[in-house]
């Protein structure tokens, strides 16, 4: 998995670009990076994720939950997943993962829509 993670709005909104096959090891590295950013952030840090050419993802929900501890970080806010064209399989996987991990998640079609959604979800935005 290749990814970039950077502030879209400093200390408040992170932008994630991710591509390629995702492994459990990749999730562990991403988790480490997310915790670092969350420690730097304000009260609620939101994540906007744009995925491209993702073909394989881990399916073991227990392993996913064990490797994504950032979701329990006290500063973790909402995750917005951007998909121009909704993919039913991705939607199902995200739904199951959200239930297993407690992730607060929404889907959007564009970055602009994502930021509008965050304004409605977070009054401090």
N, C-alpha and C. Protein backbone atom coordinates (compact mmCIF):
# COMPACT_ATOMS: atom_id res chain seq x y z
N UNK A 1 0.85 -1.17 0.00
CA UNK A 1 0.00 0.00 0.00
C UNK A 1 0.89 1.23 0.00
N UNK A 2 0.52 2.17 -0.83
CA UNK A 2 1.19 3.47 -0.83
C UNK A 2 0.19 4.50 -0.33
N UNK A 3 0.69 5.43 0.51
CA UNK A 3 -0.22 6.48 0.98
C UNK A 3 0.54 7.74 1.34
N UNK A 4 -0.19 8.84 1.27
CA UNK A 4 0.30 10.10 1.79
C UNK A 4 -0.74 10.59 2.78
N UNK A 5 -0.27 11.20 3.83
CA UNK A 5 -1.12 11.71 4.90
C UNK A 5 -0.62 13.11 5.23
N UNK A 6 -1.50 14.10 5.08
CA UNK A 6 -1.08 15.48 5.33
C UNK A 6 -2.27 16.29 5.82
N UNK A 7 -1.96 17.40 6.46
CA UNK A 7 -3.01 18.28 6.93
C UNK A 7 -3.68 18.98 5.75
N UNK A 8 -4.99 18.92 5.68
CA UNK A 8 -5.76 19.71 4.73
C UNK A 8 -6.13 21.03 5.40
N UNK A 9 -6.53 20.93 6.66
CA UNK A 9 -6.74 22.09 7.52
C UNK A 9 -5.87 21.83 8.75
N UNK A 10 -4.82 22.61 8.95
CA UNK A 10 -3.85 22.32 10.02
C UNK A 10 -4.50 22.00 11.37
N UNK A 11 -4.05 20.90 11.95
CA UNK A 11 -4.45 20.43 13.28
C UNK A 11 -5.92 20.03 13.37
N UNK A 12 -6.63 19.95 12.23
CA UNK A 12 -8.06 19.66 12.30
C UNK A 12 -8.54 18.62 11.28
N UNK A 13 -8.08 18.70 10.03
CA UNK A 13 -8.53 17.77 8.99
C UNK A 13 -7.32 17.20 8.26
N UNK A 14 -7.23 15.88 8.27
CA UNK A 14 -6.16 15.17 7.56
C UNK A 14 -6.70 14.67 6.23
N UNK A 15 -5.84 14.68 5.21
CA UNK A 15 -6.19 14.16 3.90
C UNK A 15 -5.30 12.95 3.63
N UNK A 16 -5.94 11.83 3.35
CA UNK A 16 -5.24 10.58 3.07
C UNK A 16 -5.48 10.20 1.62
N UNK A 17 -4.39 9.99 0.88
CA UNK A 17 -4.46 9.41 -0.47
C UNK A 17 -3.84 8.02 -0.34
N UNK A 18 -4.60 7.01 -0.71
CA UNK A 18 -4.12 5.64 -0.56
C UNK A 18 -4.36 4.88 -1.86
N UNK A 19 -3.39 3.99 -2.21
CA UNK A 19 -3.53 3.17 -3.40
C UNK A 19 -2.81 1.84 -3.20
N UNK A 20 -3.18 0.88 -4.03
CA UNK A 20 -2.53 -0.42 -4.00
C UNK A 20 -3.17 -1.39 -3.02
N UNK A 21 -2.61 -2.56 -2.95
CA UNK A 21 -3.10 -3.60 -2.04
C UNK A 21 -2.75 -3.23 -0.61
N UNK A 22 -3.67 -3.51 0.30
CA UNK A 22 -3.50 -3.17 1.71
C UNK A 22 -3.25 -4.45 2.51
N UNK A 23 -2.20 -4.44 3.31
CA UNK A 23 -1.89 -5.58 4.18
C UNK A 23 -2.07 -5.17 5.65
N UNK A 24 -2.08 -6.15 6.51
CA UNK A 24 -2.16 -5.88 7.96
C UNK A 24 -0.94 -5.07 8.39
N UNK A 25 0.23 -5.36 7.83
CA UNK A 25 1.44 -4.61 8.17
C UNK A 25 1.30 -3.15 7.76
N UNK A 26 0.70 -2.91 6.59
CA UNK A 26 0.45 -1.54 6.14
C UNK A 26 -0.45 -0.81 7.13
N UNK A 27 -1.47 -1.49 7.62
CA UNK A 27 -2.38 -0.87 8.58
C UNK A 27 -1.65 -0.49 9.86
N UNK A 28 -0.70 -1.32 10.28
CA UNK A 28 0.09 -1.01 11.47
C UNK A 28 0.92 0.25 11.30
N UNK A 29 1.56 0.41 10.14
CA UNK A 29 2.35 1.62 9.87
C UNK A 29 1.43 2.84 9.79
N UNK A 30 0.32 2.71 9.10
CA UNK A 30 -0.64 3.80 8.99
C UNK A 30 -1.16 4.19 10.37
N UNK A 31 -1.45 3.20 11.21
CA UNK A 31 -1.92 3.45 12.57
C UNK A 31 -0.91 4.29 13.36
N UNK A 32 0.36 3.94 13.24
CA UNK A 32 1.43 4.69 13.91
C UNK A 32 1.43 6.15 13.46
N UNK A 33 1.36 6.36 12.14
CA UNK A 33 1.35 7.71 11.60
C UNK A 33 0.12 8.48 12.06
N UNK A 34 -1.04 7.84 12.05
CA UNK A 34 -2.28 8.50 12.48
C UNK A 34 -2.19 8.94 13.94
N UNK A 35 -1.68 8.08 14.79
CA UNK A 35 -1.55 8.45 16.20
C UNK A 35 -0.65 9.66 16.38
N UNK A 36 0.40 9.75 15.60
CA UNK A 36 1.30 10.91 15.64
C UNK A 36 0.53 12.19 15.29
N UNK A 37 -0.22 12.15 14.20
CA UNK A 37 -1.00 13.33 13.79
C UNK A 37 -2.08 13.66 14.82
N UNK A 38 -2.73 12.65 15.35
CA UNK A 38 -3.78 12.90 16.35
C UNK A 38 -3.21 13.57 17.60
N UNK A 39 -2.02 13.16 18.00
CA UNK A 39 -1.38 13.79 19.16
C UNK A 39 -1.13 15.28 18.91
N UNK A 40 -0.86 15.66 17.65
CA UNK A 40 -0.60 17.05 17.29
C UNK A 40 -1.88 17.86 17.12
N UNK A 41 -3.00 17.20 16.91
CA UNK A 41 -4.22 17.88 16.51
C UNK A 41 -4.98 18.55 17.64
N UNK A 42 -6.08 19.20 17.23
CA UNK A 42 -6.99 19.85 18.16
C UNK A 42 -7.96 18.81 18.72
N UNK A 43 -9.00 19.28 19.37
CA UNK A 43 -9.95 18.38 20.03
C UNK A 43 -10.47 17.27 19.13
N UNK A 44 -10.95 17.61 17.93
CA UNK A 44 -11.43 16.60 16.98
C UNK A 44 -10.64 16.70 15.69
N UNK A 45 -9.97 15.61 15.35
CA UNK A 45 -9.23 15.53 14.10
C UNK A 45 -10.02 14.60 13.18
N UNK A 46 -10.36 15.09 12.00
CA UNK A 46 -11.13 14.32 11.04
C UNK A 46 -10.21 13.84 9.93
N UNK A 47 -10.56 12.70 9.34
CA UNK A 47 -9.78 12.09 8.28
C UNK A 47 -10.63 12.01 7.02
N UNK A 48 -10.12 12.58 5.93
CA UNK A 48 -10.77 12.47 4.62
C UNK A 48 -9.89 11.55 3.78
N UNK A 49 -10.47 10.45 3.30
CA UNK A 49 -9.71 9.41 2.62
C UNK A 49 -10.12 9.29 1.16
N UNK A 50 -9.11 9.31 0.29
CA UNK A 50 -9.32 9.11 -1.15
C UNK A 50 -8.52 7.88 -1.55
N UNK A 51 -9.21 6.84 -1.97
CA UNK A 51 -8.56 5.60 -2.37
C UNK A 51 -8.59 5.41 -3.87
N UNK A 52 -7.49 4.91 -4.42
CA UNK A 52 -7.38 4.65 -5.85
C UNK A 52 -6.76 3.28 -6.07
N UNK A 53 -7.34 2.53 -6.98
CA UNK A 53 -6.80 1.22 -7.38
C UNK A 53 -6.56 0.28 -6.20
N UNK A 54 -7.45 0.30 -5.23
CA UNK A 54 -7.33 -0.62 -4.10
C UNK A 54 -8.07 -1.90 -4.49
N UNK A 55 -7.32 -2.98 -4.58
CA UNK A 55 -7.90 -4.24 -5.01
C UNK A 55 -8.06 -5.22 -3.86
N UNK A 56 -7.11 -5.25 -2.99
CA UNK A 56 -7.15 -6.21 -1.88
C UNK A 56 -7.03 -5.49 -0.56
N UNK A 57 -7.85 -5.90 0.39
CA UNK A 57 -7.81 -5.37 1.75
C UNK A 57 -7.93 -6.54 2.72
N UNK A 58 -7.39 -6.40 3.91
CA UNK A 58 -7.54 -7.47 4.90
C UNK A 58 -9.02 -7.70 5.20
N UNK A 59 -9.37 -8.94 5.49
CA UNK A 59 -10.76 -9.28 5.79
C UNK A 59 -10.96 -9.76 7.22
N UNK A 60 -9.88 -10.00 7.94
CA UNK A 60 -9.99 -10.46 9.32
C UNK A 60 -10.28 -9.26 10.22
N UNK A 61 -11.53 -9.12 10.63
CA UNK A 61 -11.93 -7.94 11.40
C UNK A 61 -11.20 -7.82 12.74
N UNK A 62 -10.88 -8.93 13.36
CA UNK A 62 -10.15 -8.87 14.63
C UNK A 62 -8.75 -8.28 14.42
N UNK A 63 -8.07 -8.70 13.35
CA UNK A 63 -6.75 -8.17 13.06
C UNK A 63 -6.83 -6.69 12.70
N UNK A 64 -7.85 -6.32 11.95
CA UNK A 64 -8.03 -4.91 11.59
C UNK A 64 -8.22 -4.09 12.86
N UNK A 65 -9.10 -4.55 13.73
CA UNK A 65 -9.36 -3.82 14.98
C UNK A 65 -8.11 -3.69 15.83
N UNK A 66 -7.32 -4.76 15.92
CA UNK A 66 -6.09 -4.74 16.70
C UNK A 66 -5.06 -3.77 16.13
N UNK A 67 -5.08 -3.56 14.81
CA UNK A 67 -4.07 -2.72 14.16
C UNK A 67 -4.50 -1.29 13.95
N UNK A 68 -5.76 -0.97 14.20
CA UNK A 68 -6.24 0.40 14.01
C UNK A 68 -6.65 1.01 15.35
N UNK A 69 -5.70 1.08 16.26
CA UNK A 69 -5.97 1.62 17.59
C UNK A 69 -6.23 3.12 17.56
N UNK A 70 -5.81 3.80 16.49
CA UNK A 70 -6.03 5.25 16.41
C UNK A 70 -7.52 5.59 16.48
N UNK A 71 -8.37 4.64 16.12
CA UNK A 71 -9.82 4.89 16.15
C UNK A 71 -10.33 5.14 17.57
N UNK A 72 -9.59 4.70 18.58
CA UNK A 72 -9.96 4.94 19.97
C UNK A 72 -9.25 6.16 20.56
N UNK A 73 -8.43 6.82 19.77
CA UNK A 73 -7.72 8.01 20.24
C UNK A 73 -8.76 9.07 20.63
N UNK A 74 -8.58 9.73 21.77
CA UNK A 74 -9.58 10.70 22.23
C UNK A 74 -9.81 11.88 21.27
N UNK A 75 -8.86 12.15 20.40
CA UNK A 75 -9.03 13.26 19.46
C UNK A 75 -9.58 12.83 18.10
N UNK A 76 -9.80 11.53 17.90
CA UNK A 76 -10.27 11.05 16.60
C UNK A 76 -11.70 11.47 16.37
N UNK A 77 -11.93 12.13 15.25
CA UNK A 77 -13.27 12.57 14.87
C UNK A 77 -13.87 11.65 13.81
N UNK A 78 -14.39 12.25 12.77
CA UNK A 78 -15.07 11.53 11.70
C UNK A 78 -14.10 11.11 10.61
N UNK A 79 -14.42 10.02 9.92
CA UNK A 79 -13.72 9.59 8.72
C UNK A 79 -14.69 9.76 7.56
N UNK A 80 -14.26 10.49 6.55
CA UNK A 80 -15.06 10.67 5.35
C UNK A 80 -14.33 9.97 4.21
N UNK A 81 -15.01 9.05 3.56
CA UNK A 81 -14.42 8.30 2.45
C UNK A 81 -14.97 8.87 1.15
N UNK A 82 -14.07 9.30 0.28
CA UNK A 82 -14.48 9.89 -0.99
C UNK A 82 -14.50 8.81 -2.07
N UNK A 83 -15.66 8.69 -2.71
CA UNK A 83 -15.82 7.81 -3.86
C UNK A 83 -16.71 8.53 -4.86
N UNK A 84 -16.16 8.81 -6.05
CA UNK A 84 -16.98 9.47 -7.07
C UNK A 84 -18.15 8.59 -7.47
N UNK A 85 -17.86 7.31 -7.67
CA UNK A 85 -18.90 6.35 -8.03
C UNK A 85 -18.99 5.34 -6.89
N UNK A 86 -20.11 5.31 -6.18
CA UNK A 86 -20.24 4.37 -5.07
C UNK A 86 -19.99 2.93 -5.51
N UNK A 87 -19.21 2.23 -4.71
CA UNK A 87 -18.91 0.83 -4.96
C UNK A 87 -19.59 0.02 -3.87
N UNK A 88 -20.58 -0.82 -4.22
CA UNK A 88 -21.32 -1.56 -3.20
C UNK A 88 -20.42 -2.43 -2.31
N UNK A 89 -19.40 -3.05 -2.88
CA UNK A 89 -18.51 -3.89 -2.08
C UNK A 89 -17.73 -3.05 -1.08
N UNK A 90 -17.19 -1.93 -1.52
CA UNK A 90 -16.47 -1.04 -0.62
C UNK A 90 -17.40 -0.53 0.47
N UNK A 91 -18.60 -0.15 0.09
CA UNK A 91 -19.58 0.32 1.07
C UNK A 91 -19.87 -0.72 2.13
N UNK A 92 -20.00 -1.97 1.72
CA UNK A 92 -20.26 -3.05 2.66
C UNK A 92 -19.07 -3.25 3.60
N UNK A 93 -17.87 -3.28 3.04
CA UNK A 93 -16.66 -3.47 3.86
C UNK A 93 -16.51 -2.34 4.87
N UNK A 94 -16.73 -1.11 4.43
CA UNK A 94 -16.63 0.04 5.32
C UNK A 94 -17.67 -0.06 6.43
N UNK A 95 -18.88 -0.46 6.08
CA UNK A 95 -19.94 -0.60 7.07
C UNK A 95 -19.59 -1.64 8.13
N UNK A 96 -19.11 -2.79 7.70
CA UNK A 96 -18.73 -3.86 8.64
C UNK A 96 -17.56 -3.42 9.50
N UNK A 97 -16.55 -2.79 8.87
CA UNK A 97 -15.38 -2.33 9.62
C UNK A 97 -15.78 -1.26 10.64
N UNK A 98 -16.68 -0.38 10.26
CA UNK A 98 -17.13 0.67 11.18
C UNK A 98 -17.83 0.06 12.39
N UNK A 99 -18.65 -0.94 12.16
CA UNK A 99 -19.34 -1.60 13.28
C UNK A 99 -18.35 -2.31 14.19
N UNK A 100 -17.33 -2.92 13.59
CA UNK A 100 -16.36 -3.69 14.38
C UNK A 100 -15.43 -2.79 15.18
N UNK A 101 -15.14 -1.59 14.65
CA UNK A 101 -14.13 -0.74 15.28
C UNK A 101 -14.70 0.48 15.98
N UNK A 102 -15.96 0.78 15.73
CA UNK A 102 -16.56 1.98 16.32
C UNK A 102 -16.23 3.25 15.54
N UNK A 103 -15.74 3.09 14.32
CA UNK A 103 -15.38 4.24 13.49
C UNK A 103 -16.63 5.04 13.12
N UNK A 104 -16.53 6.36 13.26
CA UNK A 104 -17.60 7.25 12.81
C UNK A 104 -17.29 7.59 11.36
N UNK A 105 -18.13 7.13 10.44
CA UNK A 105 -17.79 7.23 9.03
C UNK A 105 -18.97 7.70 8.19
N UNK A 106 -18.63 8.46 7.15
CA UNK A 106 -19.58 8.89 6.13
C UNK A 106 -18.89 8.74 4.78
N UNK A 107 -19.69 8.72 3.73
CA UNK A 107 -19.13 8.69 2.38
C UNK A 107 -19.52 9.95 1.64
N UNK A 108 -18.67 10.34 0.69
CA UNK A 108 -18.88 11.56 -0.07
C UNK A 108 -18.36 11.35 -1.48
N UNK A 109 -18.73 12.25 -2.39
CA UNK A 109 -18.29 12.13 -3.79
C UNK A 109 -17.07 13.00 -4.11
N UNK A 110 -16.88 14.10 -3.37
CA UNK A 110 -15.77 15.02 -3.65
C UNK A 110 -15.18 15.55 -2.35
N UNK A 111 -14.00 16.15 -2.45
CA UNK A 111 -13.38 16.76 -1.29
C UNK A 111 -14.24 17.91 -0.77
N UNK A 112 -14.79 18.69 -1.67
CA UNK A 112 -15.65 19.81 -1.27
C UNK A 112 -16.87 19.31 -0.50
N UNK A 113 -17.49 18.25 -1.00
CA UNK A 113 -18.64 17.66 -0.30
C UNK A 113 -18.23 17.14 1.08
N UNK A 114 -17.04 16.58 1.16
CA UNK A 114 -16.54 16.06 2.44
C UNK A 114 -16.41 17.17 3.48
N UNK A 115 -15.85 18.30 3.05
CA UNK A 115 -15.67 19.42 3.98
C UNK A 115 -17.03 20.00 4.39
N UNK A 116 -17.98 20.03 3.49
CA UNK A 116 -19.34 20.48 3.84
C UNK A 116 -19.97 19.53 4.85
N UNK A 117 -19.79 18.24 4.63
CA UNK A 117 -20.32 17.23 5.56
C UNK A 117 -19.73 17.44 6.95
N UNK A 118 -18.41 17.68 7.01
CA UNK A 118 -17.75 17.89 8.31
C UNK A 118 -18.31 19.13 9.02
N UNK A 119 -18.64 20.16 8.26
CA UNK A 119 -19.22 21.36 8.87
C UNK A 119 -20.55 21.04 9.56
N UNK A 120 -21.31 20.11 8.99
CA UNK A 120 -22.58 19.72 9.60
C UNK A 120 -22.39 18.78 10.79
N UNK A 121 -21.33 17.98 10.76
CA UNK A 121 -21.09 16.99 11.81
C UNK A 121 -20.35 17.56 13.02
N UNK A 122 -19.56 18.61 12.80
CA UNK A 122 -18.71 19.17 13.86
C UNK A 122 -18.95 20.67 13.96
N UNK A 123 -19.60 21.09 15.01
CA UNK A 123 -19.94 22.51 15.16
C UNK A 123 -18.71 23.40 15.37
N UNK A 124 -17.57 22.82 15.75
CA UNK A 124 -16.36 23.62 15.94
C UNK A 124 -15.60 23.84 14.64
N UNK A 125 -16.07 23.23 13.58
CA UNK A 125 -15.38 23.28 12.28
C UNK A 125 -15.50 24.64 11.64
